[in-house]
Amino acid sequence: MSQAGTISSGSGGSGIQTIDGDIGSITPTAGVVTIFADQAANNSGQTVLFSNSGSTSTFNVTDSNQNTLIGHLAGSSTVSGSNNTALGASSLSSISSGSYNVAIGPQSLAAATTVVNSIAIGERALYSTVSDVDNVAVGHLSLTNLNGGSGSVCVGTQAGASMTTGNQNSTCGHQTLYKCTVGQSNTAIGYQSLFNTLYDNGQTAIGANAGYAANGAYNLTAVGYSALTNCSSGTDNSAVGYTCLFNTTNGNRNSGLGSNCLLQNTTGSSNVGVGAFSLYNNTSGYNNVAIGDSAMLSSTTCNSCVAIGLYALQGSVGDASNTAVGNSAAQNINGGAQNSAYGGNALNSLQTGDNNVSIGYQSMNAPLSGYYNTTVGTLSLNQITSGNYNTCLGYIAGGNYTGSESYNLCLNSQGIAGESNALHLGDGNGTGYNQFSQAFICGIVGNTVSNTAFVTINQASNQLGTQSLSPIVTAWTDEAINFNAAPGNGYFDTAALTATLPTAPDQGTTIQFVFTASSGSNVLQAGTGDFIQIGNAVSSAAGTATTSMIGSAVTLTYQTASNTWWATSSMGTWVTA
């Protein structure tokens, strides 16, 4: 389409002889100057033209379908779509029925024919797409190879540059999702994030180099500079924080939150780290949970451990099944397993012991290599170094143990240094800490036991002991006639008779009598100057105690101070005289 006009010389003059431009000039030929946009050759854009009518020439850049196509070879002569905007050489150069597209930059959306609702800004952005919809590409070569994918948004130089048929991908940053060809629903924000992903789906990487090596690493979430940078094939990993899970290659189901968290992890799986430097050195350890700054910092191959608190299990390298809850809990353990520490500094200095349980602030916090110790209470067992099988409950319980004391049970007691196989209940009589003013033990009354002994107590140390309980009598005989009773014997009196008690017996001498005759009387005769007392009834000096009731029985014990045989037990009816 051309625009022509005639320039006349006017009345009495020569008229315009030359028209100058930015490049060169034109002069009339036979009084005619031709000015046109060269639409036929699409020199300035398919919608750029001069339209003449009467004495008016109109310069148009938008056609009747609201298309604005500006630039050498921009737009197509067969365009039938509407509301397209192209700015740049060969932008939207193949468009036909596509509508509502924006292409800014050389060859942007160049192959598009029926594309709808797409935006391409940058040289060759969305260059290959023919009929896709709802894509946005901003940046040099952004989504340049896409043809068969929709709903993606890529911002940055070469962002999604290799993608051919991927859908619903979102990126922002230089070379984000650069190698991805057919992946879907990925999100990459930050320089070269998800750079190597080829066909993965549902990945999220936010931060420079985040998820850089991911290729076959399903369900990856990386947030932070270089988070999960080297993860190539590991699945279900989540990293939030600066270089979090940086070296993980094919470990699975790891979760990290915090700067440098799980940084050295390579093949370890099912680990959880929360806090700066938590599980920092872990390489292949698995099933660990570390929550707190530098928790499990030194771990490389630990497994099935739980550390919650600042520096908890910080020194453990390759141990298993340890649990530490509290700041610096089990901080120095290295070579111990199945230990449990609850409380600030609990088991803080344990090094190689196994199966210890420590509950309470600074409980068992001295250098220790012991086994099977259990302690509950602030500062309990806080000085022991190598003892085993101790159980301590209470404030400073077992606090006096400083070496290899073992097999002790201390309840509210500090114990005695150097002892083993001891039981302590309290440290003294009184009302202070670890002291008792009363003691009650249930389950004794009503129970009869064999091998009896007297229980004794050292009133100074409160130590318990036993004293053998001698039998009340040593021998039993049947008697049918009068006899002299011997100390320490028992008698079944089978007929009416008189039994004469010993004269001047020793303190505590005991004799027992049982009357088994069905008739007559059983008489007990005291020696010269001695008395017999049964209950409130007392005989005269050298008196008697008599019964005529079958089955009557009495136990008499002699007291030298009163010259009296005292009945310590009796049955039936006894009469003193």
Protein backbone atom coordinates (compact mmCIF):
# COMPACT_ATOMS: atom_id res chain seq x y z
CA MET A 1 0.00 0.00 0.00
CA SER A 2 1.49 3.33 -0.91
CA GLN A 3 0.72 6.90 -0.17
CA ALA A 4 1.13 9.33 -3.07
CA GLY A 5 0.66 13.06 -3.28
CA THR A 6 1.19 15.86 -5.68
CA ILE A 7 3.22 18.88 -4.84
CA SER A 8 2.36 21.88 -7.03
CA SER A 9 4.50 24.91 -7.61
CA GLY A 10 1.77 27.26 -6.48
CA SER A 11 0.94 30.70 -7.82
CA GLY A 12 3.99 32.36 -9.23
CA GLY A 13 6.44 30.09 -7.41
CA SER A 14 8.47 26.99 -7.94
CA GLY A 15 6.94 24.95 -4.97
CA ILE A 16 8.71 22.28 -2.83
CA GLN A 17 11.57 20.81 -4.75
CA THR A 18 13.08 18.39 -2.08
CA ILE A 19 11.89 16.47 1.01
CA ASP A 20 14.68 15.46 3.40
CA GLY A 21 14.59 12.46 5.73
CA ASP A 22 16.77 10.82 8.42
CA ILE A 23 18.49 8.91 5.65
CA GLY A 24 18.65 10.50 2.20
CA SER A 25 16.05 12.76 0.58
CA ILE A 26 13.37 12.61 -2.09
CA THR A 27 12.54 14.93 -4.94
CA PRO A 28 9.31 15.07 -6.90
CA THR A 29 9.01 13.28 -10.20
CA ALA A 30 6.66 15.11 -12.47
CA GLY A 31 5.49 16.90 -9.39
CA VAL A 32 4.62 13.66 -7.55
CA VAL A 33 6.12 12.37 -4.23
CA THR A 34 5.28 8.81 -3.06
CA ILE A 35 5.42 8.01 0.73
CA PHE A 36 4.38 4.49 1.91
CA ALA A 37 4.98 1.89 4.71
CA ASP A 38 5.61 -0.94 2.23
CA GLN A 39 2.98 -3.18 3.80
CA ALA A 40 3.11 -5.59 0.90
CA ALA A 41 6.65 -6.53 1.86
CA ASN A 42 5.78 -6.28 5.58
CA ASN A 43 8.67 -3.93 6.01
CA SER A 44 7.39 -2.11 9.10
CA GLY A 45 4.79 -4.49 10.44
CA GLN A 46 1.60 -5.98 9.09
CA THR A 47 -0.67 -3.30 10.58
CA VAL A 48 1.53 -0.29 9.75
CA LEU A 49 0.22 1.70 6.74
CA PHE A 50 -0.87 5.09 5.36
CA SER A 51 -4.56 5.37 4.57
CA ASN A 52 -5.69 8.16 2.13
CA SER A 53 -9.09 9.66 1.71
CA GLY A 54 -9.75 12.90 -0.14
CA SER A 55 -7.18 15.38 1.01
CA THR A 56 -6.33 13.41 4.23
CA SER A 57 -3.58 10.84 4.77
CA THR A 58 -3.83 8.74 8.00
CA PHE A 59 -0.93 6.76 9.48
CA ASN A 60 -2.25 3.50 11.08
CA VAL A 61 -0.49 0.98 13.37
CA THR A 62 -3.60 -0.94 14.55
CA ASP A 63 -6.00 -2.79 12.30
CA SER A 64 -9.75 -3.21 12.60
CA ASN A 65 -9.36 -6.37 14.77
CA GLN A 66 -7.33 -4.43 17.32
CA ASN A 67 -4.07 -6.04 16.28
CA THR A 68 -0.94 -3.90 16.61
CA LEU A 69 1.95 -5.48 14.71
CA ILE A 70 5.07 -3.33 14.46
CA GLY A 71 8.49 -4.35 13.19
CA HIS A 72 10.09 -5.82 10.13
CA LEU A 73 8.09 -8.93 9.20
CA ALA A 74 6.03 -8.57 12.39
CA GLY A 75 2.63 -10.21 12.02
CA SER A 76 1.22 -12.13 9.06
CA SER A 77 -0.80 -11.09 6.02
CA THR A 78 -3.26 -13.88 6.88
CA VAL A 79 -3.95 -12.71 10.40
CA SER A 80 -7.60 -13.11 11.36
CA GLY A 81 -7.29 -13.14 15.13
CA SER A 82 -7.75 -10.12 17.30
CA ASN A 83 -6.14 -8.13 20.06
CA ASN A 84 -2.61 -9.22 19.28
CA THR A 85 0.37 -6.97 19.96
CA ALA A 86 3.77 -7.51 18.34
CA LEU A 87 6.82 -5.29 18.57
CA GLY A 88 10.04 -6.49 17.01
CA ALA A 89 11.37 -8.02 13.84
CA SER A 90 9.55 -11.24 12.91
CA SER A 91 7.51 -11.19 16.13
CA LEU A 92 4.20 -13.06 15.70
CA SER A 93 5.29 -13.51 12.08
CA SER A 94 3.09 -16.60 11.52
CA ILE A 95 -0.04 -15.56 13.41
CA SER A 96 -3.37 -16.46 11.81
CA SER A 97 -6.40 -16.97 14.07
CA GLY A 98 -4.61 -16.61 17.41
CA SER A 99 -5.78 -13.82 19.68
CA TYR A 100 -4.88 -11.86 22.81
CA ASN A 101 -1.14 -12.39 22.49
CA VAL A 102 1.76 -10.04 23.25
CA ALA A 103 5.13 -10.50 21.56
CA ILE A 104 7.94 -8.02 22.21
CA GLY A 105 11.39 -8.80 20.82
CA PRO A 106 12.88 -10.23 17.64
CA GLN A 107 11.27 -13.52 16.62
CA SER A 108 9.18 -13.68 19.79
CA LEU A 109 6.19 -16.00 19.23
CA ALA A 110 7.51 -16.32 15.67
CA ALA A 111 5.90 -19.71 14.93
CA ALA A 112 2.58 -19.00 16.63
CA THR A 113 -0.48 -19.45 14.42
CA THR A 114 -3.42 -20.17 16.71
CA VAL A 115 -1.82 -19.33 20.07
CA VAL A 116 -4.12 -17.65 22.59
CA ASN A 117 -3.45 -15.56 25.71
CA SER A 118 0.33 -15.82 25.58
CA ILE A 119 3.00 -13.24 26.37
CA ALA A 120 6.56 -13.35 25.02
CA ILE A 121 9.06 -10.63 25.85
CA GLY A 122 12.65 -11.07 24.67
CA GLU A 123 14.49 -12.34 21.63
CA ARG A 124 13.02 -15.67 20.45
CA ALA A 125 10.89 -15.93 23.59
CA LEU A 126 8.22 -18.61 22.98
CA TYR A 127 9.79 -18.90 19.51
CA SER A 128 8.54 -22.42 18.65
CA THR A 129 5.04 -22.48 20.09
CA VAL A 130 2.35 -22.94 17.43
CA SER A 131 -0.99 -23.42 19.12
CA ASP A 132 -0.37 -23.42 22.89
CA VAL A 133 -2.28 -21.19 25.27
CA ASP A 134 -1.74 -19.20 28.45
CA ASN A 135 2.07 -19.17 28.45
CA VAL A 136 4.23 -16.25 29.62
CA ALA A 137 7.91 -15.99 28.68
CA VAL A 138 10.03 -12.99 29.66
CA GLY A 139 13.72 -13.01 28.76
CA HIS A 140 16.12 -13.90 25.97
CA LEU A 141 15.28 -17.42 24.69
CA SER A 142 12.78 -17.92 27.49
CA LEU A 143 10.59 -20.97 26.65
CA THR A 144 12.07 -20.75 23.15
CA ASN A 145 11.47 -24.47 22.35
CA LEU A 146 8.02 -24.89 23.87
CA ASN A 147 5.49 -26.42 21.49
CA GLY A 148 2.78 -28.47 23.12
CA GLY A 149 2.63 -27.07 26.63
CA SER A 150 0.37 -24.54 28.28
CA GLY A 151 -0.01 -22.52 31.44
CA SER A 152 3.70 -21.92 32.11
CA VAL A 153 5.29 -18.67 33.30
CA CYS A 154 9.06 -18.29 32.83
CA VAL A 155 10.93 -15.07 33.58
CA GLY A 156 14.67 -14.76 32.99
CA THR A 157 17.28 -15.24 30.30
CA GLN A 158 16.96 -18.78 28.91
CA ALA A 159 14.39 -19.64 31.56
CA GLY A 160 12.80 -22.95 30.54
CA ALA A 161 14.80 -22.73 27.32
CA SER A 162 14.75 -26.51 26.64
CA MET A 163 11.11 -27.11 27.50
CA THR A 164 9.09 -28.66 24.68
CA THR A 165 5.81 -29.99 26.09
CA GLY A 166 5.84 -29.07 29.80
CA ASN A 167 2.77 -27.55 31.42
CA GLN A 168 2.03 -25.29 34.39
CA ASN A 169 5.68 -24.53 35.16
CA SER A 170 6.65 -21.29 36.91
CA THR A 171 10.18 -19.88 36.95
CA CYS A 172 11.97 -16.65 37.65
CA GLY A 173 15.70 -16.26 37.20
CA HIS A 174 18.54 -16.81 34.78
CA GLN A 175 18.47 -20.33 33.28
CA THR A 176 15.85 -21.57 35.72
CA LEU A 177 14.47 -24.98 34.65
CA TYR A 178 17.01 -24.64 31.84
CA LYS A 179 17.18 -28.30 30.78
CA CYS A 180 13.61 -29.29 31.55
CA THR A 181 11.87 -30.73 28.51
CA VAL A 182 8.57 -32.27 29.55
CA GLY A 183 8.26 -31.57 33.28
CA GLN A 184 5.04 -30.23 34.72
CA SER A 185 3.94 -28.09 37.68
CA ASN A 186 7.47 -27.14 38.68
CA THR A 187 8.38 -23.89 40.41
CA ALA A 188 11.91 -22.47 40.15
CA ILE A 189 12.83 -19.03 41.45
CA GLY A 190 16.48 -17.99 41.57
CA TYR A 191 19.60 -18.20 39.43
CA GLN A 192 19.85 -21.65 37.78
CA SER A 193 17.37 -23.19 40.21
CA LEU A 194 16.23 -26.65 39.01
CA PHE A 195 18.80 -26.21 36.21
CA ASN A 196 19.23 -29.92 35.38
CA THR A 197 15.67 -31.12 35.78
CA LEU A 198 14.61 -32.90 32.59
CA TYR A 199 11.21 -34.49 33.17
CA ASP A 200 10.40 -34.15 36.88
CA ASN A 201 7.03 -32.95 38.06
CA GLY A 202 5.88 -30.96 41.06
CA GLN A 203 9.31 -29.69 42.12
CA THR A 204 9.75 -26.41 44.02
CA ALA A 205 13.06 -24.57 44.23
CA ILE A 206 13.43 -21.01 45.48
CA GLY A 207 16.90 -19.50 45.72
CA ALA A 208 20.04 -19.31 43.60
CA ASN A 209 21.16 -22.85 42.62
CA ALA A 210 18.35 -24.38 44.66
CA GLY A 211 17.68 -27.90 43.39
CA TYR A 212 20.33 -27.34 40.70
CA ALA A 213 21.13 -31.01 40.01
CA ALA A 214 17.64 -32.44 40.47
CA ASN A 215 16.82 -34.98 37.77
CA GLY A 216 14.54 -37.77 38.86
CA ALA A 217 14.35 -36.32 42.37
CA TYR A 218 10.62 -36.44 42.85
CA ASN A 219 8.64 -34.23 45.23
CA LEU A 220 11.57 -31.94 45.95
CA THR A 221 11.15 -28.69 47.86
CA ALA A 222 14.20 -26.42 48.18
CA VAL A 223 14.05 -22.90 49.58
CA GLY A 224 17.24 -20.93 50.13
CA TYR A 225 20.58 -20.32 48.45
CA SER A 226 22.00 -23.63 47.18
CA ALA A 227 19.40 -25.63 49.08
CA LEU A 228 19.40 -29.25 47.79
CA THR A 229 21.84 -28.10 45.10
CA ASN A 230 23.31 -31.55 44.42
CA CYS A 231 20.23 -33.71 44.85
CA SER A 232 20.08 -35.73 41.66
CA SER A 233 17.71 -38.61 42.33
CA GLY A 234 16.63 -38.48 45.97
CA THR A 235 12.88 -38.27 46.53
CA ASP A 236 10.55 -36.51 48.96
CA ASN A 237 13.26 -34.18 50.29
CA SER A 238 12.49 -30.72 51.70
CA ALA A 239 15.12 -28.09 52.49
CA VAL A 240 14.53 -24.57 53.75
CA GLY A 241 17.59 -22.46 54.52
CA TYR A 242 21.00 -21.39 53.23
CA THR A 243 22.82 -24.45 51.75
CA CYS A 244 20.39 -26.72 53.56
CA LEU A 245 20.84 -30.35 52.37
CA PHE A 246 23.45 -28.97 49.92
CA ASN A 247 25.30 -32.25 49.24
CA THR A 248 22.39 -34.68 49.30
CA THR A 249 22.54 -36.76 46.12
CA ASN A 250 20.11 -39.67 46.42
CA GLY A 251 18.97 -39.65 50.04
CA ASN A 252 15.20 -39.82 50.48
CA ARG A 253 12.55 -38.31 52.77
CA ASN A 254 14.85 -35.81 54.46
CA SER A 255 13.53 -32.54 55.86
CA GLY A 256 15.77 -29.63 56.79
CA LEU A 257 14.96 -26.18 58.14
CA GLY A 258 17.80 -23.82 58.96
CA SER A 259 21.05 -22.43 57.61
CA ASN A 260 23.56 -25.21 56.77
CA CYS A 261 21.17 -27.81 58.10
CA LEU A 262 22.09 -31.35 56.90
CA LEU A 263 24.66 -29.70 54.65
CA GLN A 264 26.98 -32.72 54.25
CA ASN A 265 24.22 -35.30 53.90
CA THR A 266 24.72 -37.41 50.78
CA THR A 267 22.79 -40.69 50.97
CA GLY A 268 21.20 -40.48 54.42
CA SER A 269 17.43 -40.83 54.48
CA SER A 270 14.44 -40.05 56.70
CA ASN A 271 16.29 -37.39 58.69
CA VAL A 272 14.74 -34.24 60.14
CA GLY A 273 16.92 -31.25 60.99
CA VAL A 274 15.55 -27.99 62.35
CA GLY A 275 17.99 -25.25 63.34
CA ALA A 276 21.23 -23.79 62.00
CA PHE A 277 23.93 -26.48 61.57
CA SER A 278 21.65 -29.23 62.85
CA LEU A 279 22.88 -32.61 61.52
CA TYR A 280 25.50 -30.55 59.65
CA ASN A 281 28.01 -33.38 59.09
CA ASN A 282 25.57 -36.22 58.55
CA THR A 283 26.45 -38.18 55.43
CA SER A 284 24.65 -41.52 55.45
CA GLY A 285 22.92 -41.59 58.84
CA TYR A 286 19.20 -42.25 58.81
CA ASN A 287 16.02 -41.92 60.88
CA ASN A 288 17.44 -39.06 62.97
CA VAL A 289 15.60 -36.03 64.35
CA ALA A 290 17.66 -32.99 65.37
CA ILE A 291 15.93 -29.80 66.48
CA GLY A 292 18.04 -26.90 67.73
CA ASP A 293 21.13 -24.92 66.78
CA SER A 294 24.00 -27.39 66.14
CA ALA A 295 21.96 -30.34 67.37
CA MET A 296 23.74 -33.55 66.25
CA LEU A 297 26.33 -31.33 64.59
CA SER A 298 29.05 -34.01 64.39
CA SER A 299 26.86 -36.92 63.35
CA THR A 300 28.01 -38.65 60.17
CA THR A 301 26.43 -42.11 60.35
CA CYS A 302 24.16 -41.98 63.42
CA ASN A 303 20.80 -43.64 63.11
CA SER A 304 17.50 -43.56 64.98
CA CYS A 305 18.61 -40.72 67.29
CA VAL A 306 16.52 -37.81 68.60
CA ALA A 307 18.14 -34.55 69.71
CA ILE A 308 16.06 -31.55 70.76
CA GLY A 309 17.82 -28.47 72.13
CA LEU A 310 20.89 -26.31 71.57
CA TYR A 311 23.96 -28.57 71.10
CA ALA A 312 21.96 -31.69 71.98
CA LEU A 313 23.92 -34.83 70.93
CA GLN A 314 26.40 -32.44 69.32
CA GLY A 315 29.42 -34.76 69.57
CA SER A 316 27.80 -38.03 68.53
CA VAL A 317 29.39 -39.34 65.31
CA GLY A 318 28.13 -42.84 64.57
CA ASP A 319 25.94 -43.83 67.50
CA ALA A 320 22.46 -45.33 67.43
CA SER A 321 19.16 -44.94 69.27
CA ASN A 322 20.17 -42.11 71.61
CA THR A 323 17.58 -39.56 72.76
CA ALA A 324 18.53 -36.15 74.14
CA VAL A 325 16.06 -33.41 75.03
CA GLY A 326 17.38 -30.17 76.51
CA ASN A 327 20.13 -27.66 75.83
CA SER A 328 23.49 -29.48 75.71
CA ALA A 329 21.81 -32.77 76.65
CA ALA A 330 24.20 -35.68 75.91
CA GLN A 331 26.36 -33.13 74.14
CA ASN A 332 29.62 -35.11 74.28
CA ILE A 333 28.45 -38.67 73.75
CA ASN A 334 30.50 -40.49 71.12
CA GLY A 335 30.44 -44.25 71.17
CA GLY A 336 27.35 -44.85 73.32
CA ALA A 337 23.96 -46.21 72.33
CA GLN A 338 20.40 -46.50 73.65
CA ASN A 339 20.90 -43.60 76.07
CA SER A 340 18.14 -41.17 77.05
CA ALA A 341 18.75 -37.69 78.46
CA TYR A 342 16.02 -35.22 79.37
CA GLY A 343 17.00 -31.83 80.83
CA GLY A 344 19.58 -29.11 80.32
CA ASN A 345 23.10 -30.60 80.43
CA ALA A 346 21.69 -34.03 81.26
CA LEU A 347 24.29 -36.72 80.39
CA ASN A 348 26.33 -33.78 79.11
CA SER A 349 29.71 -35.50 79.43
CA LEU A 350 28.70 -39.11 78.78
CA GLN A 351 31.17 -40.52 76.30
CA THR A 352 30.92 -44.27 75.70
CA GLY A 353 28.24 -45.65 78.03
CA ASP A 354 25.11 -47.46 76.87
CA ASN A 355 21.53 -47.78 78.12
CA ASN A 356 21.68 -44.89 80.59
CA VAL A 357 18.58 -42.83 81.43
CA SER A 358 19.06 -39.35 82.86
CA ILE A 359 16.17 -37.01 83.68
CA GLY A 360 16.82 -33.64 85.30
CA TYR A 361 19.04 -30.60 84.96
CA GLN A 362 22.73 -31.60 84.97
CA SER A 363 21.90 -35.16 85.94
CA MET A 364 24.78 -37.55 85.20
CA ASN A 365 26.75 -34.70 83.61
CA ALA A 366 30.27 -35.76 84.68
CA PRO A 367 32.56 -37.62 82.24
CA LEU A 368 30.99 -41.07 82.21
CA SER A 369 31.51 -44.41 80.54
CA GLY A 370 29.03 -46.38 82.64
CA TYR A 371 26.11 -48.56 81.62
CA TYR A 372 22.49 -49.13 82.68
CA ASN A 373 22.31 -46.20 85.10
CA THR A 374 18.94 -44.57 85.72
CA THR A 375 18.60 -41.22 87.45
CA VAL A 376 15.74 -38.78 87.95
CA GLY A 377 16.27 -35.40 89.60
CA THR A 378 18.31 -32.23 89.33
CA LEU A 379 22.05 -32.93 89.79
CA SER A 380 21.35 -36.61 90.43
CA LEU A 381 24.42 -38.85 89.88
CA ASN A 382 26.19 -35.72 88.68
CA GLN A 383 29.73 -36.84 89.62
CA ILE A 384 29.88 -40.54 88.81
CA THR A 385 32.39 -41.51 86.09
CA SER A 386 32.29 -45.25 85.45
CA GLY A 387 29.63 -46.86 87.67
CA ASN A 388 26.99 -49.23 86.33
CA TYR A 389 23.43 -50.30 87.18
CA ASN A 390 22.73 -47.46 89.62
CA THR A 391 19.21 -46.13 90.15
CA CYS A 392 18.85 -42.72 91.79
CA LEU A 393 15.72 -40.66 92.38
CA GLY A 394 15.61 -37.18 93.88
CA TYR A 395 17.56 -33.93 94.11
CA ILE A 396 21.32 -34.72 94.10
CA ALA A 397 20.45 -38.40 94.50
CA GLY A 398 23.67 -40.40 94.26
CA GLY A 399 25.59 -37.15 94.35
CA ASN A 400 28.41 -38.62 96.46
CA TYR A 401 29.31 -41.23 93.85
CA THR A 402 32.45 -40.08 92.04
CA GLY A 403 33.96 -43.24 90.58
CA SER A 404 32.86 -46.77 89.78
CA GLU A 405 30.12 -47.21 92.38
CA SER A 406 27.62 -49.73 91.02
CA TYR A 407 24.36 -51.58 91.71
CA ASN A 408 23.11 -48.92 94.14
CA LEU A 409 19.58 -47.68 94.72
CA CYS A 410 19.30 -44.15 96.15
CA LEU A 411 15.90 -42.62 96.85
CA ASN A 412 16.33 -39.03 98.01
CA SER A 413 19.83 -39.93 99.14
CA GLN A 414 23.30 -38.90 98.01
CA GLY A 415 24.71 -42.31 98.91
CA ILE A 416 28.19 -42.96 100.32
CA ALA A 417 31.28 -42.59 98.15
CA GLY A 418 32.92 -45.84 97.15
CA GLU A 419 30.05 -48.17 97.97
CA SER A 420 28.26 -50.66 95.75
CA ASN A 421 25.16 -52.82 96.11
CA ALA A 422 23.67 -50.39 98.64
CA LEU A 423 20.12 -49.17 99.15
CA HIS A 424 19.48 -45.72 100.59
CA LEU A 425 16.15 -44.17 101.49
CA GLY A 426 16.89 -40.62 102.59
CA ASP A 427 20.07 -39.22 104.13
CA GLY A 428 18.97 -38.68 107.71
CA ASN A 429 16.28 -38.03 110.30
CA GLY A 430 14.78 -34.58 110.18
CA THR A 431 12.82 -32.20 108.01
CA GLY A 432 15.49 -30.98 105.55
CA TYR A 433 15.99 -32.10 101.98
CA ASN A 434 16.66 -35.82 101.65
CA GLN A 435 15.58 -36.30 105.32
CA PHE A 436 12.59 -38.07 106.85
CA SER A 437 10.96 -37.71 110.26
CA GLN A 438 8.60 -40.68 109.92
CA ALA A 439 8.57 -43.95 107.98
CA PHE A 440 5.63 -46.09 106.97
CA ILE A 441 5.83 -49.45 105.19
CA CYS A 442 2.67 -51.29 104.20
CA GLY A 443 2.24 -54.97 103.43
CA ILE A 444 3.99 -56.34 106.54
CA VAL A 445 1.23 -56.85 109.09
CA GLY A 446 -0.54 -60.18 108.74
CA ASN A 447 2.24 -61.94 106.84
CA THR A 448 4.22 -64.80 108.37
CA VAL A 449 7.65 -65.66 107.00
CA SER A 450 10.24 -68.34 107.60
CA ASN A 451 13.93 -67.86 108.46
CA THR A 452 13.02 -65.02 110.79
CA ALA A 453 15.47 -62.55 112.34
CA PHE A 454 15.30 -59.34 114.31
CA VAL A 455 15.71 -56.18 112.18
CA THR A 456 18.12 -53.74 113.82
CA ILE A 457 19.12 -50.14 113.05
CA ASN A 458 22.31 -48.15 113.63
CA GLN A 459 20.93 -44.94 115.11
CA ALA A 460 23.98 -42.94 114.04
CA SER A 461 24.18 -43.99 110.38
CA ASN A 462 20.58 -45.23 109.94
CA GLN A 463 21.94 -48.48 108.49
CA LEU A 464 19.65 -51.47 108.84
CA GLY A 465 20.81 -54.94 109.84
CA THR A 466 19.54 -58.23 111.30
CA GLN A 467 20.13 -60.28 114.42
CA SER A 468 19.34 -63.98 114.51
CA LEU A 469 16.12 -64.83 116.30
CA SER A 470 16.80 -67.80 118.60
CA PRO A 471 13.96 -70.31 119.14
CA ILE A 472 11.94 -69.76 122.37
CA VAL A 473 12.42 -73.41 123.27
CA THR A 474 14.88 -75.95 121.97
CA ALA A 475 13.07 -79.23 122.81
CA TRP A 476 9.58 -80.51 123.66
CA THR A 477 8.76 -83.52 125.87
CA ASP A 478 5.66 -85.26 127.21
CA GLU A 479 5.42 -85.42 131.03
CA ALA A 480 2.97 -87.54 133.12
CA ILE A 481 4.46 -87.20 136.67
CA ASN A 482 5.88 -84.39 138.75
CA PHE A 483 9.18 -83.03 137.32
CA ASN A 484 11.70 -80.19 137.47
CA ALA A 485 11.45 -77.95 134.38
CA ALA A 486 14.68 -77.12 132.55
CA PRO A 487 15.47 -73.71 130.96
CA GLY A 488 14.62 -73.41 127.23
CA ASN A 489 12.37 -76.49 127.12
CA GLY A 490 8.71 -76.99 126.29
CA TYR A 491 6.43 -79.51 127.99
CA PHE A 492 3.16 -81.25 127.16
CA ASP A 493 1.74 -82.10 130.63
CA THR A 494 -0.36 -85.16 129.85
CA ALA A 495 -1.58 -85.84 133.46
CA ALA A 496 -2.29 -83.98 136.68
CA LEU A 497 1.15 -83.00 138.00
CA THR A 498 3.37 -80.33 139.50
CA ALA A 499 6.21 -78.81 137.48
CA THR A 500 8.88 -77.05 139.55
CA LEU A 501 10.51 -74.03 137.92
CA PRO A 502 14.33 -73.58 138.01
CA THR A 503 15.89 -71.73 140.95
CA ALA A 504 17.92 -68.56 140.19
CA PRO A 505 17.67 -68.86 136.38
CA ASP A 506 19.42 -66.47 133.93
CA GLN A 507 17.87 -63.30 132.57
CA GLY A 508 15.47 -64.15 129.70
CA THR A 509 15.20 -67.86 130.50
CA THR A 510 12.03 -69.11 128.81
CA ILE A 511 9.94 -72.25 129.43
CA GLN A 512 6.64 -73.26 127.81
CA PHE A 513 3.84 -75.49 129.17
CA VAL A 514 0.75 -77.02 127.55
CA PHE A 515 -1.80 -78.92 129.73
CA THR A 516 -3.26 -81.79 127.67
CA ALA A 517 -4.94 -83.90 130.42
CA SER A 518 -8.72 -84.16 130.46
CA SER A 519 -8.92 -84.13 134.31
CA GLY A 520 -6.99 -82.94 137.33
CA SER A 521 -4.81 -79.87 137.66
CA ASN A 522 -1.48 -78.66 136.27
CA VAL A 523 0.53 -76.78 138.94
CA LEU A 524 3.58 -74.61 138.20
CA GLN A 525 5.75 -74.13 141.32
CA ALA A 526 8.09 -71.10 141.64
CA GLY A 527 11.45 -71.42 143.40
CA THR A 528 12.40 -69.75 146.66
CA GLY A 529 11.88 -65.98 146.44
CA ASP A 530 10.47 -66.10 142.89
CA PHE A 531 7.07 -64.92 141.64
CA ILE A 532 4.78 -65.89 138.76
CA GLN A 533 2.77 -63.12 137.01
CA ILE A 534 0.12 -63.86 134.38
CA GLY A 535 -1.56 -60.69 133.20
CA ASN A 536 -2.46 -58.68 136.32
CA ALA A 537 -2.41 -61.74 138.60
CA VAL A 538 0.80 -62.36 140.56
CA SER A 539 1.64 -65.21 142.94
CA SER A 540 3.24 -64.98 146.32
CA ALA A 541 6.97 -65.65 146.75
CA ALA A 542 7.64 -69.29 145.88
CA GLY A 543 3.97 -69.38 144.86
CA THR A 544 2.08 -71.28 142.19
CA ALA A 545 0.04 -70.90 138.99
CA THR A 546 -2.62 -73.56 138.46
CA THR A 547 -4.95 -74.57 135.62
CA SER A 548 -7.47 -77.41 135.29
CA MET A 549 -8.58 -76.55 131.74
CA ILE A 550 -7.43 -78.85 128.97
CA GLY A 551 -5.61 -76.92 126.28
CA SER A 552 -4.36 -74.22 128.64
CA ALA A 553 -0.87 -73.01 127.73
CA VAL A 554 1.63 -70.46 129.02
CA THR A 555 5.06 -69.13 128.06
CA LEU A 556 7.11 -67.90 131.03
CA THR A 557 10.22 -65.70 130.71
CA TYR A 558 12.36 -64.85 133.75
CA GLN A 559 13.40 -61.31 134.79
CA THR A 560 16.21 -61.31 137.34
CA ALA A 561 15.62 -57.75 138.53
CA SER A 562 12.13 -58.58 139.82
CA ASN A 563 12.65 -62.32 140.49
CA THR A 564 9.55 -62.83 138.39
CA TRP A 565 8.44 -65.32 135.75
CA TRP A 566 6.47 -63.18 133.34
CA ALA A 567 3.81 -64.78 131.11
CA THR A 568 4.59 -63.47 127.63
CA SER A 569 1.63 -65.41 126.26
CA SER A 570 -1.12 -67.53 127.83
CA MET A 571 -4.27 -69.48 126.92
CA GLY A 572 -7.00 -70.83 129.16
CA THR A 573 -7.54 -69.98 132.82
CA TRP A 574 -4.62 -69.73 135.24
CA VAL A 575 -4.95 -69.02 138.97
CA THR A 576 -1.98 -67.67 140.94
CA ALA A 577 -1.45 -68.26 144.66
